[in-house]
Amino acid sequence: MNRRRSAIGAGIKILVFVALWLGLTSAAWALRCGNHLVSEKDPSQKLVQYCGQPTSVERLKDRRAVRTYDSQVGGYVTDYQSIPYEIWTYNFGPQRFMMRITVREGLITRIESAGYGY
C-alpha cells in the first residue's frame, strides 16, 4: 500500500511541476519557411533570407516621451521622439495562414497570424 501511495505522490509532484513550468514559460510565435524557423528577436535579414520578400510592408511610428532638463526654462520638459517600425505581411496562399511580423530596429519583435491567405 505504501508503494502505491508513493507512486501516486510522485506522479502528482510531476504533474504539478509540469503545470508550473508551462505556466511560467512565455508563448512566443515562430514562423516556418521551408526547413527554417524564424523567431522573435531574430534579425530581419534572417526573415528575408529564409522567407523571401514580404507581400506588403506597412511603415508606422511610435511616439516615446523623453524628459530632459531645459536650462532656459529652469526645469524638466517633456519632448517626444518618433520611433519608426514596420509590419511585414507574408501571404503564403490559401492553404496557410498569412503572418504579420513586426520589425523594430532590424529585429523581429512580434509574430502573429492574420487568417488564411488568398
N, C-alpha and C. Protein backbone atom coordinates (compact mmCIF):
# COMPACT_ATOMS: atom_id res chain seq x y z
N MET A 1 0.81 -1.19 0.00
CA MET A 1 0.00 0.00 0.00
C MET A 1 0.87 1.27 0.00
N ASN A 2 1.96 1.25 0.78
CA ASN A 2 2.86 2.41 0.83
C ASN A 2 3.51 2.66 -0.52
N ARG A 3 3.83 1.58 -1.21
CA ARG A 3 4.44 1.72 -2.54
C ARG A 3 3.49 2.43 -3.49
N ARG A 4 2.23 2.07 -3.42
CA ARG A 4 1.23 2.67 -4.29
C ARG A 4 1.06 4.16 -3.96
N ARG A 5 1.04 4.49 -2.69
CA ARG A 5 0.91 5.90 -2.27
C ARG A 5 2.11 6.72 -2.74
N SER A 6 3.30 6.17 -2.62
CA SER A 6 4.49 6.92 -3.04
C SER A 6 4.51 7.10 -4.55
N ALA A 7 4.02 6.13 -5.29
CA ALA A 7 3.95 6.26 -6.75
C ALA A 7 2.94 7.34 -7.14
N ILE A 8 1.81 7.36 -6.46
CA ILE A 8 0.79 8.38 -6.73
C ILE A 8 1.33 9.76 -6.34
N GLY A 9 2.00 9.84 -5.21
CA GLY A 9 2.58 11.11 -4.76
C GLY A 9 3.63 11.62 -5.74
N ALA A 10 4.44 10.72 -6.26
CA ALA A 10 5.46 11.12 -7.24
C ALA A 10 4.80 11.60 -8.52
N GLY A 11 3.73 10.93 -8.93
CA GLY A 11 3.01 11.34 -10.14
C GLY A 11 2.39 12.71 -9.98
N ILE A 12 1.84 12.97 -8.82
CA ILE A 12 1.24 14.28 -8.55
C ILE A 12 2.31 15.37 -8.56
N LYS A 13 3.46 15.10 -7.97
CA LYS A 13 4.55 16.07 -7.96
C LYS A 13 5.00 16.40 -9.39
N ILE A 14 5.08 15.39 -10.24
CA ILE A 14 5.48 15.63 -11.63
C ILE A 14 4.44 16.48 -12.35
N LEU A 15 3.16 16.16 -12.15
CA LEU A 15 2.10 16.95 -12.78
C LEU A 15 2.13 18.40 -12.33
N VAL A 16 2.35 18.63 -11.04
CA VAL A 16 2.42 19.99 -10.52
C VAL A 16 3.62 20.72 -11.13
N PHE A 17 4.75 20.05 -11.20
CA PHE A 17 5.95 20.66 -11.78
C PHE A 17 5.71 21.04 -13.25
N VAL A 18 5.14 20.13 -14.02
CA VAL A 18 4.88 20.41 -15.44
C VAL A 18 3.90 21.57 -15.58
N ALA A 19 2.84 21.59 -14.77
CA ALA A 19 1.86 22.67 -14.83
C ALA A 19 2.51 24.01 -14.51
N LEU A 20 3.35 24.05 -13.49
CA LEU A 20 4.05 25.30 -13.13
C LEU A 20 5.01 25.72 -14.23
N TRP A 21 5.72 24.77 -14.79
CA TRP A 21 6.68 25.08 -15.85
C TRP A 21 5.96 25.64 -17.07
N LEU A 22 4.84 25.04 -17.45
CA LEU A 22 4.09 25.54 -18.60
C LEU A 22 3.51 26.92 -18.32
N GLY A 23 3.12 27.17 -17.09
CA GLY A 23 2.56 28.47 -16.73
C GLY A 23 3.59 29.58 -16.74
N LEU A 24 4.84 29.25 -16.48
CA LEU A 24 5.88 30.27 -16.41
C LEU A 24 6.54 30.56 -17.75
N THR A 25 6.43 29.64 -18.69
CA THR A 25 7.05 29.87 -19.99
C THR A 25 6.18 30.81 -20.79
N SER A 26 6.81 31.72 -21.50
CA SER A 26 6.05 32.67 -22.30
C SER A 26 5.78 32.08 -23.67
N ALA A 27 4.61 32.39 -24.18
CA ALA A 27 4.24 31.90 -25.50
C ALA A 27 4.89 32.80 -26.54
N ALA A 28 5.68 32.25 -27.39
CA ALA A 28 6.33 33.01 -28.45
C ALA A 28 6.06 32.31 -29.77
N TRP A 29 5.73 33.10 -30.76
CA TRP A 29 5.45 32.56 -32.07
C TRP A 29 6.76 32.37 -32.83
N ALA A 30 6.69 31.46 -33.77
CA ALA A 30 7.79 31.28 -34.70
C ALA A 30 7.17 31.08 -36.08
N LEU A 31 7.93 31.35 -37.09
CA LEU A 31 7.47 31.24 -38.47
C LEU A 31 8.34 30.23 -39.18
N ARG A 32 7.70 29.23 -39.79
CA ARG A 32 8.44 28.23 -40.55
C ARG A 32 8.40 28.59 -42.02
N CYS A 33 9.59 28.67 -42.62
CA CYS A 33 9.73 28.90 -44.06
C CYS A 33 10.63 27.79 -44.60
N GLY A 34 10.02 26.86 -45.31
CA GLY A 34 10.78 25.69 -45.77
C GLY A 34 11.23 24.88 -44.59
N ASN A 35 12.53 24.62 -44.52
CA ASN A 35 13.10 23.86 -43.40
C ASN A 35 13.65 24.76 -42.30
N HIS A 36 13.40 26.06 -42.39
CA HIS A 36 13.97 27.01 -41.45
C HIS A 36 12.90 27.59 -40.54
N LEU A 37 13.34 27.99 -39.36
CA LEU A 37 12.46 28.60 -38.37
C LEU A 37 12.96 30.00 -38.05
N VAL A 38 12.05 30.97 -38.07
CA VAL A 38 12.38 32.35 -37.73
C VAL A 38 11.56 32.71 -36.50
N SER A 39 12.21 33.28 -35.48
CA SER A 39 11.55 33.56 -34.20
C SER A 39 11.69 35.01 -33.82
N GLU A 40 10.94 35.41 -32.78
CA GLU A 40 11.10 36.75 -32.24
C GLU A 40 12.54 36.93 -31.77
N LYS A 41 13.04 38.14 -31.89
CA LYS A 41 14.41 38.55 -31.56
C LYS A 41 15.42 38.19 -32.64
N ASP A 42 15.00 37.50 -33.70
CA ASP A 42 15.89 37.24 -34.83
C ASP A 42 16.01 38.50 -35.68
N PRO A 43 17.13 38.69 -36.39
CA PRO A 43 17.26 39.85 -37.26
C PRO A 43 16.35 39.72 -38.49
N SER A 44 15.91 40.86 -39.00
CA SER A 44 15.02 40.86 -40.16
C SER A 44 15.71 40.30 -41.41
N GLN A 45 17.05 40.35 -41.47
CA GLN A 45 17.78 39.78 -42.61
C GLN A 45 17.55 38.27 -42.67
N LYS A 46 17.46 37.63 -41.53
CA LYS A 46 17.20 36.19 -41.48
C LYS A 46 15.81 35.89 -42.04
N LEU A 47 14.85 36.73 -41.71
CA LEU A 47 13.49 36.58 -42.22
C LEU A 47 13.47 36.66 -43.74
N VAL A 48 14.15 37.65 -44.31
CA VAL A 48 14.20 37.80 -45.77
C VAL A 48 14.96 36.64 -46.40
N GLN A 49 16.04 36.21 -45.78
CA GLN A 49 16.84 35.11 -46.30
C GLN A 49 16.03 33.82 -46.40
N TYR A 50 15.24 33.50 -45.36
CA TYR A 50 14.52 32.24 -45.33
C TYR A 50 13.12 32.31 -45.94
N CYS A 51 12.45 33.47 -45.83
CA CYS A 51 11.06 33.57 -46.27
C CYS A 51 10.87 34.43 -47.51
N GLY A 52 11.92 35.12 -47.94
CA GLY A 52 11.80 35.99 -49.10
C GLY A 52 11.26 37.36 -48.72
N GLN A 53 10.95 38.15 -49.74
CA GLN A 53 10.42 39.49 -49.52
C GLN A 53 8.96 39.39 -49.08
N PRO A 54 8.53 40.27 -48.19
CA PRO A 54 7.13 40.23 -47.75
C PRO A 54 6.19 40.67 -48.86
N THR A 55 4.93 40.27 -48.74
CA THR A 55 3.90 40.69 -49.69
C THR A 55 3.65 42.18 -49.57
N SER A 56 3.64 42.69 -48.33
CA SER A 56 3.47 44.12 -48.12
C SER A 56 4.25 44.56 -46.88
N VAL A 57 4.60 45.84 -46.86
CA VAL A 57 5.30 46.44 -45.72
C VAL A 57 4.55 47.70 -45.32
N GLU A 58 4.14 47.75 -44.06
CA GLU A 58 3.45 48.92 -43.52
C GLU A 58 4.43 49.66 -42.62
N ARG A 59 4.69 50.93 -42.93
CA ARG A 59 5.63 51.73 -42.15
C ARG A 59 4.85 52.60 -41.17
N LEU A 60 5.18 52.46 -39.89
CA LEU A 60 4.48 53.18 -38.83
C LEU A 60 5.48 53.86 -37.90
N LYS A 61 4.96 54.68 -36.98
CA LYS A 61 5.82 55.35 -36.00
C LYS A 61 5.16 55.31 -34.64
N ASP A 62 5.98 55.11 -33.62
CA ASP A 62 5.56 55.25 -32.22
C ASP A 62 6.11 56.57 -31.72
N ARG A 63 5.44 57.14 -30.74
CA ARG A 63 5.97 58.32 -30.08
C ARG A 63 6.36 57.94 -28.67
N ARG A 64 7.57 58.30 -28.30
CA ARG A 64 8.08 58.00 -26.96
C ARG A 64 8.37 59.31 -26.24
N ALA A 65 7.82 59.44 -25.03
CA ALA A 65 8.06 60.65 -24.23
C ALA A 65 9.43 60.56 -23.57
N VAL A 66 10.18 61.65 -23.66
CA VAL A 66 11.51 61.73 -23.06
C VAL A 66 11.58 63.02 -22.26
N ARG A 67 11.94 62.89 -20.96
CA ARG A 67 12.07 64.08 -20.11
C ARG A 67 13.53 64.54 -20.13
N THR A 68 13.71 65.81 -20.45
CA THR A 68 15.06 66.39 -20.47
C THR A 68 15.05 67.70 -19.68
N TYR A 69 16.23 68.04 -19.19
CA TYR A 69 16.36 69.29 -18.44
C TYR A 69 16.61 70.42 -19.42
N ASP A 70 15.82 71.48 -19.29
CA ASP A 70 15.96 72.67 -20.14
C ASP A 70 16.44 73.82 -19.25
N SER A 71 17.68 74.26 -19.49
CA SER A 71 18.24 75.31 -18.63
C SER A 71 17.54 76.65 -18.83
N GLN A 72 16.97 76.89 -20.00
CA GLN A 72 16.25 78.15 -20.24
C GLN A 72 14.97 78.21 -19.42
N VAL A 73 14.32 77.08 -19.29
CA VAL A 73 13.07 77.02 -18.51
C VAL A 73 13.40 76.85 -17.03
N GLY A 74 14.55 76.26 -16.75
CA GLY A 74 14.94 76.01 -15.37
C GLY A 74 14.27 74.78 -14.78
N GLY A 75 13.96 73.84 -15.63
CA GLY A 75 13.32 72.61 -15.15
C GLY A 75 13.25 71.57 -16.25
N TYR A 76 12.59 70.48 -15.92
CA TYR A 76 12.45 69.40 -16.88
C TYR A 76 11.26 69.64 -17.80
N VAL A 77 11.45 69.28 -19.06
CA VAL A 77 10.38 69.37 -20.05
C VAL A 77 10.24 68.01 -20.73
N THR A 78 9.07 67.78 -21.25
CA THR A 78 8.81 66.53 -21.96
C THR A 78 8.93 66.77 -23.46
N ASP A 79 9.76 65.97 -24.07
CA ASP A 79 9.94 66.02 -25.52
C ASP A 79 9.51 64.66 -26.05
N TYR A 80 9.18 64.60 -27.32
CA TYR A 80 8.73 63.34 -27.92
C TYR A 80 9.64 62.93 -29.05
N GLN A 81 10.01 61.66 -29.04
CA GLN A 81 10.82 61.09 -30.12
C GLN A 81 9.91 60.22 -30.98
N SER A 82 10.16 60.25 -32.26
CA SER A 82 9.42 59.42 -33.19
C SER A 82 10.26 58.17 -33.46
N ILE A 83 9.69 57.00 -33.18
CA ILE A 83 10.39 55.74 -33.33
C ILE A 83 9.74 54.95 -34.47
N PRO A 84 10.42 54.84 -35.61
CA PRO A 84 9.82 54.11 -36.74
C PRO A 84 9.88 52.60 -36.54
N TYR A 85 8.88 51.91 -37.06
CA TYR A 85 8.87 50.44 -37.12
C TYR A 85 8.05 50.01 -38.32
N GLU A 86 8.13 48.73 -38.65
CA GLU A 86 7.43 48.22 -39.82
C GLU A 86 6.66 46.95 -39.46
N ILE A 87 5.57 46.73 -40.15
CA ILE A 87 4.83 45.47 -40.06
C ILE A 87 4.89 44.83 -41.44
N TRP A 88 5.55 43.67 -41.50
CA TRP A 88 5.69 42.93 -42.74
C TRP A 88 4.61 41.86 -42.80
N THR A 89 3.91 41.77 -43.93
CA THR A 89 2.89 40.75 -44.10
C THR A 89 3.36 39.75 -45.14
N TYR A 90 3.28 38.47 -44.78
CA TYR A 90 3.60 37.37 -45.69
C TYR A 90 2.33 36.62 -46.01
N ASN A 91 2.03 36.45 -47.31
CA ASN A 91 0.87 35.70 -47.75
C ASN A 91 1.38 34.42 -48.41
N PHE A 92 1.14 33.29 -47.75
CA PHE A 92 1.64 32.01 -48.23
C PHE A 92 0.60 31.23 -49.03
N GLY A 93 -0.52 31.87 -49.39
CA GLY A 93 -1.54 31.22 -50.18
C GLY A 93 -2.71 30.74 -49.34
N PRO A 94 -3.74 30.18 -49.99
CA PRO A 94 -4.99 29.83 -49.30
C PRO A 94 -4.88 28.63 -48.35
N GLN A 95 -3.80 27.88 -48.43
CA GLN A 95 -3.65 26.70 -47.58
C GLN A 95 -2.94 27.00 -46.26
N ARG A 96 -2.39 28.20 -46.15
CA ARG A 96 -1.66 28.57 -44.94
C ARG A 96 -2.13 29.93 -44.43
N PHE A 97 -1.84 30.20 -43.17
CA PHE A 97 -2.16 31.49 -42.60
C PHE A 97 -1.20 32.56 -43.11
N MET A 98 -1.73 33.76 -43.31
CA MET A 98 -0.86 34.90 -43.55
C MET A 98 -0.22 35.24 -42.20
N MET A 99 0.96 35.81 -42.23
CA MET A 99 1.66 36.15 -41.00
C MET A 99 2.03 37.63 -41.04
N ARG A 100 1.84 38.30 -39.89
CA ARG A 100 2.23 39.70 -39.73
C ARG A 100 3.40 39.74 -38.75
N ILE A 101 4.51 40.29 -39.21
CA ILE A 101 5.74 40.33 -38.42
C ILE A 101 6.09 41.79 -38.15
N THR A 102 6.22 42.14 -36.88
CA THR A 102 6.62 43.49 -36.51
C THR A 102 8.14 43.54 -36.41
N VAL A 103 8.73 44.50 -37.13
CA VAL A 103 10.19 44.68 -37.16
C VAL A 103 10.52 46.04 -36.57
N ARG A 104 11.30 46.04 -35.49
CA ARG A 104 11.74 47.27 -34.84
C ARG A 104 13.26 47.25 -34.75
N GLU A 105 13.86 48.29 -35.28
CA GLU A 105 15.32 48.44 -35.26
C GLU A 105 16.03 47.21 -35.80
N GLY A 106 15.48 46.62 -36.86
CA GLY A 106 16.12 45.49 -37.52
C GLY A 106 15.89 44.14 -36.88
N LEU A 107 15.08 44.09 -35.81
CA LEU A 107 14.81 42.82 -35.13
C LEU A 107 13.31 42.49 -35.16
N ILE A 108 13.01 41.22 -35.21
CA ILE A 108 11.63 40.76 -35.16
C ILE A 108 11.16 40.86 -33.71
N THR A 109 10.11 41.64 -33.47
CA THR A 109 9.61 41.80 -32.11
C THR A 109 8.26 41.12 -31.88
N ARG A 110 7.56 40.80 -32.95
CA ARG A 110 6.26 40.15 -32.80
C ARG A 110 5.91 39.39 -34.06
N ILE A 111 5.36 38.19 -33.87
CA ILE A 111 4.88 37.37 -34.98
C ILE A 111 3.45 36.99 -34.65
N GLU A 112 2.53 37.31 -35.57
CA GLU A 112 1.13 36.98 -35.33
C GLU A 112 0.46 36.49 -36.60
N SER A 113 -0.54 35.64 -36.42
CA SER A 113 -1.30 35.09 -37.53
C SER A 113 -2.31 36.12 -37.99
N ALA A 114 -2.61 36.11 -39.30
CA ALA A 114 -3.56 37.08 -39.86
C ALA A 114 -4.65 36.38 -40.67
N GLY A 115 -4.97 35.15 -40.35
CA GLY A 115 -6.00 34.43 -41.09
C GLY A 115 -5.45 33.80 -42.36
N TYR A 116 -6.29 33.04 -43.04
CA TYR A 116 -5.85 32.34 -44.25
C TYR A 116 -5.52 33.31 -45.36
N GLY A 117 -4.54 32.94 -46.14
CA GLY A 117 -4.12 33.77 -47.27
C GLY A 117 -5.07 33.64 -48.44
N TYR A 118 -4.70 34.23 -49.54
CA TYR A 118 -5.52 34.20 -50.75
C TYR A 118 -4.70 33.78 -51.94
